[in-house]
C-alpha cells in the first residue's frame, strides 16, 4: 500500500496566505475609507446610499491558469455614482512586492478580460506593498508601426507615503499603510517588531474608532507583524493593562492571541482554536498549491468548520482531488 506523505507548508507560505486574507478583509471592511484614502476624487463621486457589491465569482472566472498568482489579491467591485451610472472598479493589490517585469501586462490582461466579458467601464488600480527600490510602471504599452495600445492604471506605492502624515490621519487605512510599511522594513528585524506593533495597537485606542473597527485593524496588524510566542504573551499582558486602564476590553477577548491568563480552561480553548486554524489553513494552502488561487466561497466555508475529524478528511480530499470542482463537491456534501 502506498503511503501519502503530508508535508507541512513552510511558515513563510502560511504567513503569505494570512497576509493575502488580511488584505481582502480590510478592503471589504473599510471599502469607503479605502476609496477616500487612495482615490479621493472617485470617492466624491460615489453614491454610498446605494449598495456596493464585491464580484468575487466574476473575478474567479477570469483567473485562468495562465494568470495563476498565489501572492496577489484581486478585488472586483461594482459601485454606483451620484449621477446614477454603474461603475466597476478593479482593485488589484500586489502583496508580494518583488520586482516583476510582467506586472503591467497582468494589469492590462485583467482590464481587457473584464471589459470583453462584461462590457463595463473599469477603473484599474494597483496597490504596491513591496520594497522602496521597486517602482513599476503605471502603464502597459504595445505598439508596432504606429499600431497598438497604451493602457494606463492608477497606482499607489505604500512605501512612498510619509509617515508623519499617516500618524495624524484618522482614516483607518492610514493605520493599515503604517503596518504594511513596518512589515516591509522589519522583514528580518524581529526584535524591533515588538515596539512597532505595540505602538500601532496603542494608536487604535487613541482614535475615535468603534470596537469593531479596532478589532478589524488589530487583526490586520497582528498578521502582518507576527511576533515570537514569548513576545506575543508579553504583548497580551500589555494590552490587558491598557484595556483595564481605559475600561475598553476589546482586543484581549480575541481568540487569535490564544493566551488568557488565570484560567486553565481559557488557555486550553485558545490552544484548540490555534490547532483548528492550522488545520484550516493547511487545507487552503494545499488547494492553492495544487490548483491556484482558492475561490473565496471555498476558503470561507473551510474556515467555518470546527470539527477536527472533518478537517482531516478534507485535507486528504484536497490531496487526492483532481480538480477544485471535485473538492468543492466533497465540501458541499459535508
C-alpha atoms as a PDB file:
ATOM      1  CA  UNK A   1       0.000   0.000   0.000  1.00  0.00           C
ATOM      2  CA  UNK A   2       1.444   3.368  -0.990  1.00  0.00           C
ATOM      3  CA  UNK A   3       1.606   5.940   1.761  1.00  0.00           C
ATOM      4  CA  UNK A   4       0.765   9.544   1.119  1.00  0.00           C
ATOM      5  CA  UNK A   5       3.306  11.806   2.790  1.00  0.00           C
ATOM      6  CA  UNK A   6       1.875  15.069   4.084  1.00  0.00           C
ATOM      7  CA  UNK A   7       4.414  17.878   4.111  1.00  0.00           C
ATOM      8  CA  UNK A   8       3.660  20.857   6.322  1.00  0.00           C
ATOM      9  CA  UNK A   9       3.886  24.158   4.484  1.00  0.00           C
ATOM     10  CA  UNK A  10       6.779  26.435   5.492  1.00  0.00           C
ATOM     11  CA  UNK A  11       5.995  29.253   7.914  1.00  0.00           C
ATOM     12  CA  UNK A  12       6.696  31.808   5.158  1.00  0.00           C
ATOM     13  CA  UNK A  13       3.993  30.264   2.945  1.00  0.00           C
ATOM     14  CA  UNK A  14       1.479  30.242   5.797  1.00  0.00           C
ATOM     15  CA  UNK A  15       2.363  33.873   6.517  1.00  0.00           C
ATOM     16  CA  UNK A  16       1.765  34.866   2.890  1.00  0.00           C
ATOM     17  CA  UNK A  17      -1.648  33.173   2.907  1.00  0.00           C
ATOM     18  CA  UNK A  18      -2.614  35.048   6.070  1.00  0.00           C
ATOM     19  CA  UNK A  19      -1.289  38.306   4.603  1.00  0.00           C
ATOM     20  CA  UNK A  20      -3.426  37.938   1.485  1.00  0.00           C
ATOM     21  CA  UNK A  21      -6.531  37.172   3.523  1.00  0.00           C
ATOM     22  CA  UNK A  22      -5.816  40.144   5.793  1.00  0.00           C
ATOM     23  CA  UNK A  23      -5.807  42.496   2.802  1.00  0.00           C
ATOM     24  CA  UNK A  24      -9.019  41.017   1.405  1.00  0.00           C
ATOM     25  CA  UNK A  25     -10.796  41.525   4.709  1.00  0.00           C
ATOM     26  CA  UNK A  26      -9.509  45.078   5.115  1.00  0.00           C
ATOM     27  CA  UNK A  27     -10.741  46.128   1.678  1.00  0.00           C
ATOM     28  CA  UNK A  28     -14.179  44.660   2.292  1.00  0.00           C
ATOM     29  CA  UNK A  29     -14.458  46.027   5.836  1.00  0.00           C
ATOM     30  CA  UNK A  30     -13.245  49.575   5.077  1.00  0.00           C
ATOM     31  CA  UNK A  31     -14.084  49.982   1.399  1.00  0.00           C
ATOM     32  CA  UNK A  32     -15.429  53.592   1.588  1.00  0.00           C
ATOM     33  CA  UNK A  33     -12.389  54.617   3.653  1.00  0.00           C
ATOM     34  CA  UNK A  34     -10.191  52.706   1.205  1.00  0.00           C
ATOM     35  CA  UNK A  35     -11.503  54.812  -1.683  1.00  0.00           C
ATOM     36  CA  UNK A  36     -11.225  58.041   0.301  1.00  0.00           C
ATOM     37  CA  UNK A  37      -7.584  57.291   1.105  1.00  0.00           C
ATOM     38  CA  UNK A  38      -6.358  56.062  -2.288  1.00  0.00           C
ATOM     39  CA  UNK A  39      -8.756  57.629  -4.832  1.00  0.00           C
ATOM     40  CA  UNK A  40     -10.404  60.683  -3.197  1.00  0.00           C
ATOM     41  CA  UNK A  41     -11.775  62.033  -6.489  1.00  0.00           C
ATOM     42  CA  UNK A  42     -13.628  58.794  -7.156  1.00  0.00           C
ATOM     43  CA  UNK A  43     -14.833  58.703  -3.535  1.00  0.00           C
ATOM     44  CA  UNK A  44     -16.509  62.101  -4.004  1.00  0.00           C
ATOM     45  CA  UNK A  45     -18.487  60.786  -6.992  1.00  0.00           C
ATOM     46  CA  UNK A  46     -19.660  57.507  -5.424  1.00  0.00           C
ATOM     47  CA  UNK A  47     -23.231  57.254  -4.177  1.00  0.00           C
ATOM     48  CA  UNK A  48     -22.764  55.312  -0.951  1.00  0.00           C
ATOM     49  CA  UNK A  49     -26.511  55.287  -0.335  1.00  0.00           C
ATOM     50  CA  UNK A  50     -26.527  52.571  -2.993  1.00  0.00           C
ATOM     51  CA  UNK A  51     -25.004  49.194  -2.072  1.00  0.00           C
ATOM     52  CA  UNK A  52     -21.585  48.296  -3.454  1.00  0.00           C
ATOM     53  CA  UNK A  53     -21.001  44.669  -4.397  1.00  0.00           C
ATOM     54  CA  UNK A  54     -17.815  42.598  -4.406  1.00  0.00           C
ATOM     55  CA  UNK A  55     -17.889  40.480  -7.546  1.00  0.00           C
ATOM     56  CA  UNK A  56     -15.740  37.610  -6.283  1.00  0.00           C
ATOM     57  CA  UNK A  57     -17.318  34.958  -8.520  1.00  0.00           C
ATOM     58  CA  UNK A  58     -16.820  37.113 -11.597  1.00  0.00           C
ATOM     59  CA  UNK A  59     -13.197  37.638 -10.623  1.00  0.00           C
ATOM     60  CA  UNK A  60     -12.619  33.930 -10.076  1.00  0.00           C
ATOM     61  CA  UNK A  61     -13.932  33.146 -13.557  1.00  0.00           C
ATOM     62  CA  UNK A  62     -11.318  35.476 -15.002  1.00  0.00           C
ATOM     63  CA  UNK A  63      -8.442  33.927 -13.035  1.00  0.00           C
ATOM     64  CA  UNK A  64      -7.381  31.303 -15.528  1.00  0.00           C
ATOM     65  CA  UNK A  65      -4.385  29.028 -15.114  1.00  0.00           C
ATOM     66  CA  UNK A  66      -2.306  31.263 -17.334  1.00  0.00           C
ATOM     67  CA  UNK A  67      -2.678  34.027 -14.734  1.00  0.00           C
ATOM     68  CA  UNK A  68      -2.039  31.937 -11.630  1.00  0.00           C
ATOM     69  CA  UNK A  69      -0.530  34.026  -8.858  1.00  0.00           C
ATOM     70  CA  UNK A  70      -0.751  32.903  -5.248  1.00  0.00           C
ATOM     71  CA  UNK A  71       0.722  36.165  -3.963  1.00  0.00           C
ATOM     72  CA  UNK A  72      -1.771  38.654  -5.360  1.00  0.00           C
ATOM     73  CA  UNK A  73      -5.100  39.851  -4.060  1.00  0.00           C
ATOM     74  CA  UNK A  74      -7.660  40.916  -6.652  1.00  0.00           C
ATOM     75  CA  UNK A  75     -10.985  42.509  -5.831  1.00  0.00           C
ATOM     76  CA  UNK A  76     -13.626  43.493  -8.368  1.00  0.00           C
ATOM     77  CA  UNK A  77     -16.264  45.862  -7.006  1.00  0.00           C
ATOM     78  CA  UNK A  78     -19.479  47.221  -8.503  1.00  0.00           C
ATOM     79  CA  UNK A  79     -20.319  50.725  -7.318  1.00  0.00           C
ATOM     80  CA  UNK A  80     -22.834  53.416  -8.277  1.00  0.00           C
ATOM     81  CA  UNK A  81     -22.010  57.043  -8.945  1.00  0.00           C
ATOM     82  CA  UNK A  82     -24.054  60.038  -7.867  1.00  0.00           C
ATOM     83  CA  UNK A  83     -25.146  60.630 -11.461  1.00  0.00           C
ATOM     84  CA  UNK A  84     -26.878  57.229 -11.369  1.00  0.00           C
ATOM     85  CA  UNK A  85     -24.393  55.389 -13.587  1.00  0.00           C
ATOM     86  CA  UNK A  86     -22.934  51.999 -12.725  1.00  0.00           C
ATOM     87  CA  UNK A  87     -19.176  51.702 -12.374  1.00  0.00           C
ATOM     88  CA  UNK A  88     -16.961  48.671 -11.974  1.00  0.00           C
ATOM     89  CA  UNK A  89     -13.753  49.110 -10.020  1.00  0.00           C
ATOM     90  CA  UNK A  90     -10.875  46.665 -10.360  1.00  0.00           C
ATOM     91  CA  UNK A  91      -8.682  46.792  -7.272  1.00  0.00           C
ATOM     92  CA  UNK A  92      -5.512  44.870  -7.993  1.00  0.00           C
ATOM     93  CA  UNK A  93      -3.205  44.537  -4.988  1.00  0.00           C
ATOM     94  CA  UNK A  94       0.344  43.324  -5.384  1.00  0.00           C
ATOM     95  CA  UNK A  95       1.164  41.900  -1.960  1.00  0.00           C
ATOM     96  CA  UNK A  96       4.461  40.332  -2.891  1.00  0.00           C
ATOM     97  CA  UNK A  97       6.223  43.488  -3.938  1.00  0.00           C
ATOM     98  CA  UNK A  98       9.171  41.787  -5.611  1.00  0.00           C
ATOM     99  CA  UNK A  99      10.250  43.058  -8.983  1.00  0.00           C
ATOM    100  CA  UNK A 100       8.093  41.636 -11.763  1.00  0.00           C
ATOM    101  CA  UNK A 101       8.568  42.659 -15.374  1.00  0.00           C
ATOM    102  CA  UNK A 102       5.091  41.336 -16.285  1.00  0.00           C
ATOM    103  CA  UNK A 103       3.216  43.364 -13.674  1.00  0.00           C
ATOM    104  CA  UNK A 104       1.800  45.964 -16.107  1.00  0.00           C
ATOM    105  CA  UNK A 105       0.960  43.266 -18.636  1.00  0.00           C
ATOM    106  CA  UNK A 106      -1.039  41.436 -15.982  1.00  0.00           C
ATOM    107  CA  UNK A 107      -2.967  44.604 -15.190  1.00  0.00           C
ATOM    108  CA  UNK A 108      -3.760  45.046 -18.883  1.00  0.00           C
ATOM    109  CA  UNK A 109      -4.919  41.439 -19.246  1.00  0.00           C
ATOM    110  CA  UNK A 110      -7.363  41.841 -16.392  1.00  0.00           C
ATOM    111  CA  UNK A 111      -8.658  45.075 -17.876  1.00  0.00           C
ATOM    112  CA  UNK A 112      -9.414  43.679 -21.319  1.00  0.00           C
ATOM    113  CA  UNK A 113     -10.799  40.398 -19.980  1.00  0.00           C
ATOM    114  CA  UNK A 114     -13.273  42.204 -17.737  1.00  0.00           C
ATOM    115  CA  UNK A 115     -14.273  44.646 -20.479  1.00  0.00           C
ATOM    116  CA  UNK A 116     -14.504  41.932 -23.114  1.00  0.00           C
ATOM    117  CA  UNK A 117     -16.707  39.756 -20.920  1.00  0.00           C
ATOM    118  CA  UNK A 118     -18.923  42.326 -19.222  1.00  0.00           C
ATOM    119  CA  UNK A 119     -18.604  45.497 -21.314  1.00  0.00           C
ATOM    120  CA  UNK A 120     -18.400  47.670 -18.184  1.00  0.00           C
ATOM    121  CA  UNK A 121     -16.322  50.804 -17.627  1.00  0.00           C
ATOM    122  CA  UNK A 122     -13.412  49.926 -15.352  1.00  0.00           C
ATOM    123  CA  UNK A 123     -11.134  51.835 -13.012  1.00  0.00           C
ATOM    124  CA  UNK A 124      -7.942  49.811 -12.662  1.00  0.00           C
ATOM    125  CA  UNK A 125      -5.633  50.431  -9.744  1.00  0.00           C
ATOM    126  CA  UNK A 126      -2.654  48.731  -8.140  1.00  0.00           C
ATOM    127  CA  UNK A 127      -1.517  48.919  -4.534  1.00  0.00           C
ATOM    128  CA  UNK A 128       2.164  48.001  -4.301  1.00  0.00           C
ATOM    129  CA  UNK A 129       3.282  46.938  -0.830  1.00  0.00           C
ATOM    130  CA  UNK A 130       6.796  45.919  -1.742  1.00  0.00           C
ATOM    131  CA  UNK A 131      10.284  47.385  -1.265  1.00  0.00           C
ATOM    132  CA  UNK A 132      11.144  51.015  -1.934  1.00  0.00           C
ATOM    133  CA  UNK A 133      13.596  50.168  -4.712  1.00  0.00           C
ATOM    134  CA  UNK A 134      10.881  48.736  -6.990  1.00  0.00           C
ATOM    135  CA  UNK A 135       8.884  51.292  -8.954  1.00  0.00           C
ATOM    136  CA  UNK A 136       6.697  49.502 -11.534  1.00  0.00           C
ATOM    137  CA  UNK A 137       5.386  51.415 -14.493  1.00  0.00           C
ATOM    138  CA  UNK A 138       1.914  52.910 -14.378  1.00  0.00           C
ATOM    139  CA  UNK A 139       1.106  51.776 -17.889  1.00  0.00           C
ATOM    140  CA  UNK A 140       1.377  48.951 -20.396  1.00  0.00           C
ATOM    141  CA  UNK A 141       2.300  49.857 -23.948  1.00  0.00           C
ATOM    142  CA  UNK A 142       2.376  47.608 -27.011  1.00  0.00           C
ATOM    143  CA  UNK A 143       2.910  49.400 -30.312  1.00  0.00           C
ATOM    144  CA  UNK A 144       4.286  48.422 -33.670  1.00  0.00           C
ATOM    145  CA  UNK A 145       4.334  50.555 -36.853  1.00  0.00           C
ATOM    146  CA  UNK A 146       2.095  53.162 -35.221  1.00  0.00           C
ATOM    147  CA  UNK A 147      -0.427  50.487 -34.298  1.00  0.00           C
ATOM    148  CA  UNK A 148      -1.100  49.129 -30.859  1.00  0.00           C
ATOM    149  CA  UNK A 149      -2.368  50.071 -27.418  1.00  0.00           C
ATOM    150  CA  UNK A 150      -1.359  52.178 -24.424  1.00  0.00           C
ATOM    151  CA  UNK A 151      -3.080  51.191 -21.161  1.00  0.00           C
ATOM    152  CA  UNK A 152      -2.778  53.315 -18.020  1.00  0.00           C
ATOM    153  CA  UNK A 153      -3.834  52.471 -14.489  1.00  0.00           C
ATOM    154  CA  UNK A 154      -3.793  54.096 -11.075  1.00  0.00           C
ATOM    155  CA  UNK A 155      -1.036  53.004  -8.738  1.00  0.00           C
ATOM    156  CA  UNK A 156      -0.193  53.664  -5.094  1.00  0.00           C
ATOM    157  CA  UNK A 157       3.130  52.554  -3.651  1.00  0.00           C
ATOM    158  CA  UNK A 158       2.697  52.220   0.102  1.00  0.00           C
ATOM    159  CA  UNK A 159       6.355  52.855   0.910  1.00  0.00           C
ATOM    160  CA  UNK A 160       6.070  56.334  -0.638  1.00  0.00           C
ATOM    161  CA  UNK A 161       3.557  57.615   1.930  1.00  0.00           C
ATOM    162  CA  UNK A 162       5.064  59.975   4.504  1.00  0.00           C
ATOM    163  CA  UNK A 163       4.971  58.503   7.972  1.00  0.00           C
ATOM    164  CA  UNK A 164       4.360  61.839   9.728  1.00  0.00           C
ATOM    165  CA  UNK A 165       1.194  62.405   7.715  1.00  0.00           C
ATOM    166  CA  UNK A 166      -0.009  58.857   8.297  1.00  0.00           C
ATOM    167  CA  UNK A 167       0.396  59.287  12.049  1.00  0.00           C
ATOM    168  CA  UNK A 168      -2.033  62.224  12.033  1.00  0.00           C
ATOM    169  CA  UNK A 169      -4.541  60.774   9.568  1.00  0.00           C
ATOM    170  CA  UNK A 170      -7.659  59.351  11.262  1.00  0.00           C
ATOM    171  CA  UNK A 171      -8.608  57.259   8.231  1.00  0.00           C
ATOM    172  CA  UNK A 172      -8.294  53.571   9.259  1.00  0.00           C
ATOM    173  CA  UNK A 173      -6.356  52.947   6.049  1.00  0.00           C
ATOM    174  CA  UNK A 174      -3.536  55.125   7.418  1.00  0.00           C
ATOM    175  CA  UNK A 175      -3.035  52.538  10.176  1.00  0.00           C
ATOM    176  CA  UNK A 176      -3.096  49.782   7.547  1.00  0.00           C
ATOM    177  CA  UNK A 177      -0.438  51.534   5.457  1.00  0.00           C
ATOM    178  CA  UNK A 178       1.727  52.127   8.536  1.00  0.00           C
ATOM    179  CA  UNK A 179       1.527  48.421   9.429  1.00  0.00           C
ATOM    180  CA  UNK A 180       2.363  47.417   5.841  1.00  0.00           C
ATOM    181  CA  UNK A 181       5.351  49.780   5.778  1.00  0.00           C
ATOM    182  CA  UNK A 182       6.648  48.445   9.095  1.00  0.00           C
ATOM    183  CA  UNK A 183       6.190  44.860   7.947  1.00  0.00           C
ATOM    184  CA  UNK A 184       8.319  45.536   4.879  1.00  0.00           C
ATOM    185  CA  UNK A 185      11.029  47.455   6.722  1.00  0.00           C
ATOM    186  CA  UNK A 186      11.284  44.913   9.527  1.00  0.00           C
ATOM    187  CA  UNK A 187      11.299  41.735   7.437  1.00  0.00           C
ATOM    188  CA  UNK A 188      14.341  40.351   9.253  1.00  0.00           C
ATOM    189  CA  UNK A 189      14.490  42.664  12.277  1.00  0.00           C
ATOM    190  CA  UNK A 190      12.323  40.563  14.555  1.00  0.00           C
ATOM    191  CA  UNK A 191      13.451  42.237  17.769  1.00  0.00           C
ATOM    192  CA  UNK A 192      12.237  45.637  16.570  1.00  0.00           C
ATOM    193  CA  UNK A 193       8.774  44.341  15.686  1.00  0.00           C
ATOM    194  CA  UNK A 194       7.512  44.292  19.259  1.00  0.00           C
ATOM    195  CA  UNK A 195       7.891  48.042  19.842  1.00  0.00           C
ATOM    196  CA  UNK A 196       6.445  48.881  16.435  1.00  0.00           C
ATOM    197  CA  UNK A 197       3.453  46.597  16.863  1.00  0.00           C
ATOM    198  CA  UNK A 198       2.760  47.828  20.388  1.00  0.00           C
ATOM    199  CA  UNK A 199       2.896  51.445  19.165  1.00  0.00           C
ATOM    200  CA  UNK A 200       0.352  50.759  16.407  1.00  0.00           C
ATOM    201  CA  UNK A 201      -2.003  48.979  18.806  1.00  0.00           C
ATOM    202  CA  UNK A 202      -1.881  51.879  21.253  1.00  0.00           C
ATOM    203  CA  UNK A 203      -2.824  54.193  18.391  1.00  0.00           C
ATOM    204  CA  UNK A 204      -6.047  52.249  17.900  1.00  0.00           C
ATOM    205  CA  UNK A 205      -7.268  53.364  21.318  1.00  0.00           C
ATOM    206  CA  UNK A 206      -6.225  56.977  20.813  1.00  0.00           C
ATOM    207  CA  UNK A 207      -8.597  57.470  17.888  1.00  0.00           C
ATOM    208  CA  UNK A 208     -12.369  57.504  17.814  1.00  0.00           C
ATOM    209  CA  UNK A 209     -12.698  54.068  16.253  1.00  0.00           C
ATOM    210  CA  UNK A 210     -15.548  51.759  17.142  1.00  0.00           C
ATOM    211  CA  UNK A 211     -14.958  48.452  18.884  1.00  0.00           C
ATOM    212  CA  UNK A 212     -15.419  46.505  15.629  1.00  0.00           C
ATOM    213  CA  UNK A 213     -13.076  48.833  13.744  1.00  0.00           C
ATOM    214  CA  UNK A 214     -10.408  48.344  16.413  1.00  0.00           C
ATOM    215  CA  UNK A 215     -10.788  44.567  16.204  1.00  0.00           C
ATOM    216  CA  UNK A 216     -10.545  44.533  12.401  1.00  0.00           C
ATOM    217  CA  UNK A 217      -7.497  46.793  12.368  1.00  0.00           C
ATOM    218  CA  UNK A 218      -5.883  44.759  15.136  1.00  0.00           C
ATOM    219  CA  UNK A 219      -6.440  41.599  13.096  1.00  0.00           C
ATOM    220  CA  UNK A 220      -4.527  43.135  10.163  1.00  0.00           C
ATOM    221  CA  UNK A 221      -1.688  44.414  12.355  1.00  0.00           C
ATOM    222  CA  UNK A 222      -1.498  41.067  14.119  1.00  0.00           C
ATOM    223  CA  UNK A 223      -0.989  39.128  10.887  1.00  0.00           C
ATOM    224  CA  UNK A 224       1.463  41.410   9.077  1.00  0.00           C
ATOM    225  CA  UNK A 225       3.623  41.946  12.184  1.00  0.00           C
ATOM    226  CA  UNK A 226       3.920  38.487  13.702  1.00  0.00           C
ATOM    227  CA  UNK A 227       5.986  38.016  16.857  1.00  0.00           C
ATOM    228  CA  UNK A 228       7.550  35.119  18.681  1.00  0.00           C
ATOM    229  CA  UNK A 229       5.366  33.231  21.155  1.00  0.00           C
ATOM    230  CA  UNK A 230       7.220  34.865  24.055  1.00  0.00           C
ATOM    231  CA  UNK A 231       6.680  38.373  22.682  1.00  0.00           C
ATOM    232  CA  UNK A 232       3.027  37.591  21.897  1.00  0.00           C
ATOM    233  CA  UNK A 233       2.478  36.671  25.531  1.00  0.00           C
ATOM    234  CA  UNK A 234       4.229  39.840  26.653  1.00  0.00           C
ATOM    235  CA  UNK A 235       2.135  41.907  24.240  1.00  0.00           C
ATOM    236  CA  UNK A 236      -1.051  40.302  25.521  1.00  0.00           C
ATOM    237  CA  UNK A 237      -0.196  41.376  29.045  1.00  0.00           C
ATOM    238  CA  UNK A 238       0.433  44.966  27.948  1.00  0.00           C
ATOM    239  CA  UNK A 239      -2.826  45.104  26.002  1.00  0.00           C
ATOM    240  CA  UNK A 240      -4.683  43.791  29.009  1.00  0.00           C
ATOM    241  CA  UNK A 241      -3.228  46.575  31.194  1.00  0.00           C
ATOM    242  CA  UNK A 242      -4.097  49.188  28.580  1.00  0.00           C
ATOM    243  CA  UNK A 243      -7.678  47.976  28.267  1.00  0.00           C
ATOM    244  CA  UNK A 244      -8.150  47.881  32.015  1.00  0.00           C
ATOM    245  CA  UNK A 245      -6.901  51.462  32.301  1.00  0.00           C
ATOM    246  CA  UNK A 246      -9.226  52.635  29.527  1.00  0.00           C
ATOM    247  CA  UNK A 247     -12.105  50.327  30.507  1.00  0.00           C
ATOM    248  CA  UNK A 248     -12.212  49.033  26.929  1.00  0.00           C
ATOM    249  CA  UNK A 249     -11.965  45.208  26.934  1.00  0.00           C
ATOM    250  CA  UNK A 250     -11.696  44.797  23.157  1.00  0.00           C
ATOM    251  CA  UNK A 251      -8.589  43.061  21.909  1.00  0.00           C
ATOM    252  CA  UNK A 252      -7.917  40.786  24.867  1.00  0.00           C
ATOM    253  CA  UNK A 253     -11.128  38.939  24.048  1.00  0.00           C
ATOM    254  CA  UNK A 254      -9.786  37.995  20.601  1.00  0.00           C
ATOM    255  CA  UNK A 255      -9.062  34.270  20.318  1.00  0.00           C
ATOM    256  CA  UNK A 256      -6.187  34.940  17.910  1.00  0.00           C
ATOM    257  CA  UNK A 257      -3.881  35.767  20.821  1.00  0.00           C
ATOM    258  CA  UNK A 258      -4.713  32.420  22.385  1.00  0.00           C
ATOM    259  CA  UNK A 259      -3.381  33.406  25.834  1.00  0.00           C
ATOM    260  CA  UNK A 260      -5.942  34.003  28.552  1.00  0.00           C
ATOM    261  CA  UNK A 261      -4.331  34.353  31.942  1.00  0.00           C
ATOM    262  CA  UNK A 262      -5.772  32.893  35.104  1.00  0.00           C
ATOM    263  CA  UNK A 263      -7.983  30.066  33.856  1.00  0.00           C
ATOM    264  CA  UNK A 264      -6.606  26.801  32.503  1.00  0.00           C
ATOM    265  CA  UNK A 265      -9.862  26.313  30.640  1.00  0.00           C
ATOM    266  CA  UNK A 266      -9.290  29.558  28.779  1.00  0.00           C
ATOM    267  CA  UNK A 267      -5.774  28.526  27.839  1.00  0.00           C
ATOM    268  CA  UNK A 268      -6.960  25.153  26.559  1.00  0.00           C
ATOM    269  CA  UNK A 269      -9.638  26.840  24.484  1.00  0.00           C
ATOM    270  CA  UNK A 270      -7.025  29.103  22.922  1.00  0.00           C
ATOM    271  CA  UNK A 271      -4.795  26.145  22.073  1.00  0.00           C
ATOM    272  CA  UNK A 272      -7.702  24.300  20.470  1.00  0.00           C
ATOM    273  CA  UNK A 273      -8.568  27.362  18.415  1.00  0.00           C
ATOM    274  CA  UNK A 274      -4.968  27.621  17.227  1.00  0.00           C
ATOM    275  CA  UNK A 275      -4.943  23.962  16.167  1.00  0.00           C
ATOM    276  CA  UNK A 276      -8.172  24.482  14.231  1.00  0.00           C
ATOM    277  CA  UNK A 277      -6.684  27.474  12.453  1.00  0.00           C
ATOM    278  CA  UNK A 278      -3.593  25.499  11.443  1.00  0.00           C
ATOM    279  CA  UNK A 279      -5.746  22.676  10.039  1.00  0.00           C
ATOM    280  CA  UNK A 280      -7.969  25.076   8.114  1.00  0.00           C
ATOM    281  CA  UNK A 281      -5.047  26.958   6.591  1.00  0.00           C
ATOM    282  CA  UNK A 282      -3.254  23.731   5.668  1.00  0.00           C
ATOM    283  CA  UNK A 283      -6.252  22.711   3.539  1.00  0.00           C
ATOM    284  CA  UNK A 284      -6.393  26.112   1.848  1.00  0.00           C
ATOM    285  CA  UNK A 285      -2.636  26.100   1.185  1.00  0.00           C
ATOM    286  CA  UNK A 286      -2.785  22.577  -0.266  1.00  0.00           C
ATOM    287  CA  UNK A 287      -5.561  23.627  -2.653  1.00  0.00           C
ATOM    288  CA  UNK A 288      -3.676  26.776  -3.594  1.00  0.00           C
ATOM    289  CA  UNK A 289      -0.502  24.816  -4.298  1.00  0.00           C
ATOM    290  CA  UNK A 290      -2.325  22.292  -6.492  1.00  0.00           C
ATOM    291  CA  UNK A 291      -4.974  24.346  -8.296  1.00  0.00           C
ATOM    292  CA  UNK A 292      -4.046  28.015  -7.934  1.00  0.00           C
ATOM    293  CA  UNK A 293      -5.999  30.768  -6.198  1.00  0.00           C
ATOM    294  CA  UNK A 294      -8.731  29.281  -3.991  1.00  0.00           C
ATOM    295  CA  UNK A 295     -12.222  30.779  -4.529  1.00  0.00           C
ATOM    296  CA  UNK A 296     -13.282  32.826  -1.521  1.00  0.00           C
ATOM    297  CA  UNK A 297     -16.527  30.880  -1.046  1.00  0.00           C
ATOM    298  CA  UNK A 298     -14.476  27.685  -0.618  1.00  0.00           C
ATOM    299  CA  UNK A 299     -11.938  29.197   1.795  1.00  0.00           C
ATOM    300  CA  UNK A 300     -14.740  30.851   3.778  1.00  0.00           C
ATOM    301  CA  UNK A 301     -16.565  27.519   4.072  1.00  0.00           C
ATOM    302  CA  UNK A 302     -13.389  25.795   5.290  1.00  0.00           C
ATOM    303  CA  UNK A 303     -12.834  28.482   7.914  1.00  0.00           C
ATOM    304  CA  UNK A 304     -16.320  27.829   9.300  1.00  0.00           C
ATOM    305  CA  UNK A 305     -15.590  24.158  10.082  1.00  0.00           C
ATOM    306  CA  UNK A 306     -14.803  23.430  13.731  1.00  0.00           C
ATOM    307  CA  UNK A 307     -14.582  19.631  13.699  1.00  0.00           C
ATOM    308  CA  UNK A 308     -11.029  18.211  13.691  1.00  0.00           C
ATOM    309  CA  UNK A 309     -12.043  14.896  12.088  1.00  0.00           C
ATOM    310  CA  UNK A 310     -13.877  16.665   9.306  1.00  0.00           C
ATOM    311  CA  UNK A 311     -10.881  18.920   8.646  1.00  0.00           C
ATOM    312  CA  UNK A 312      -8.540  15.921   8.463  1.00  0.00           C
ATOM    313  CA  UNK A 313     -10.859  14.244   5.966  1.00  0.00           C
ATOM    314  CA  UNK A 314     -11.000  17.407   3.856  1.00  0.00           C
ATOM    315  CA  UNK A 315      -7.225  17.678   3.868  1.00  0.00           C
ATOM    316  CA  UNK A 316      -6.953  14.149   2.486  1.00  0.00           C
ATOM    317  CA  UNK A 317      -9.537  15.086  -0.127  1.00  0.00           C
ATOM    318  CA  UNK A 318      -7.531  18.195  -1.053  1.00  0.00           C
ATOM    319  CA  UNK A 319      -4.513  15.949  -1.711  1.00  0.00           C
ATOM    320  CA  UNK A 320      -6.451  13.368  -3.746  1.00  0.00           C
ATOM    321  CA  UNK A 321      -8.838  15.591  -5.727  1.00  0.00           C
ATOM    322  CA  UNK A 322      -8.048  16.019  -9.398  1.00  0.00           C
ATOM    323  CA  UNK A 323      -9.691  19.460  -9.622  1.00  0.00           C
ATOM    324  CA  UNK A 324     -11.001  22.257  -7.429  1.00  0.00           C
ATOM    325  CA  UNK A 325     -14.508  21.359  -8.600  1.00  0.00           C
ATOM    326  CA  UNK A 326     -14.137  17.802  -7.295  1.00  0.00           C
ATOM    327  CA  UNK A 327     -13.062  19.179  -3.929  1.00  0.00           C
ATOM    328  CA  UNK A 328     -15.977  21.640  -3.916  1.00  0.00           C
ATOM    329  CA  UNK A 329     -18.448  18.792  -4.375  1.00  0.00           C
ATOM    330  CA  UNK A 330     -16.936  16.937  -1.419  1.00  0.00           C
ATOM    331  CA  UNK A 331     -17.130  20.117   0.641  1.00  0.00           C
ATOM    332  CA  UNK A 332     -20.801  20.567  -0.253  1.00  0.00           C
ATOM    333  CA  UNK A 333     -21.547  17.011   0.788  1.00  0.00           C
ATOM    334  CA  UNK A 334     -20.023  17.714   4.187  1.00  0.00           C
END
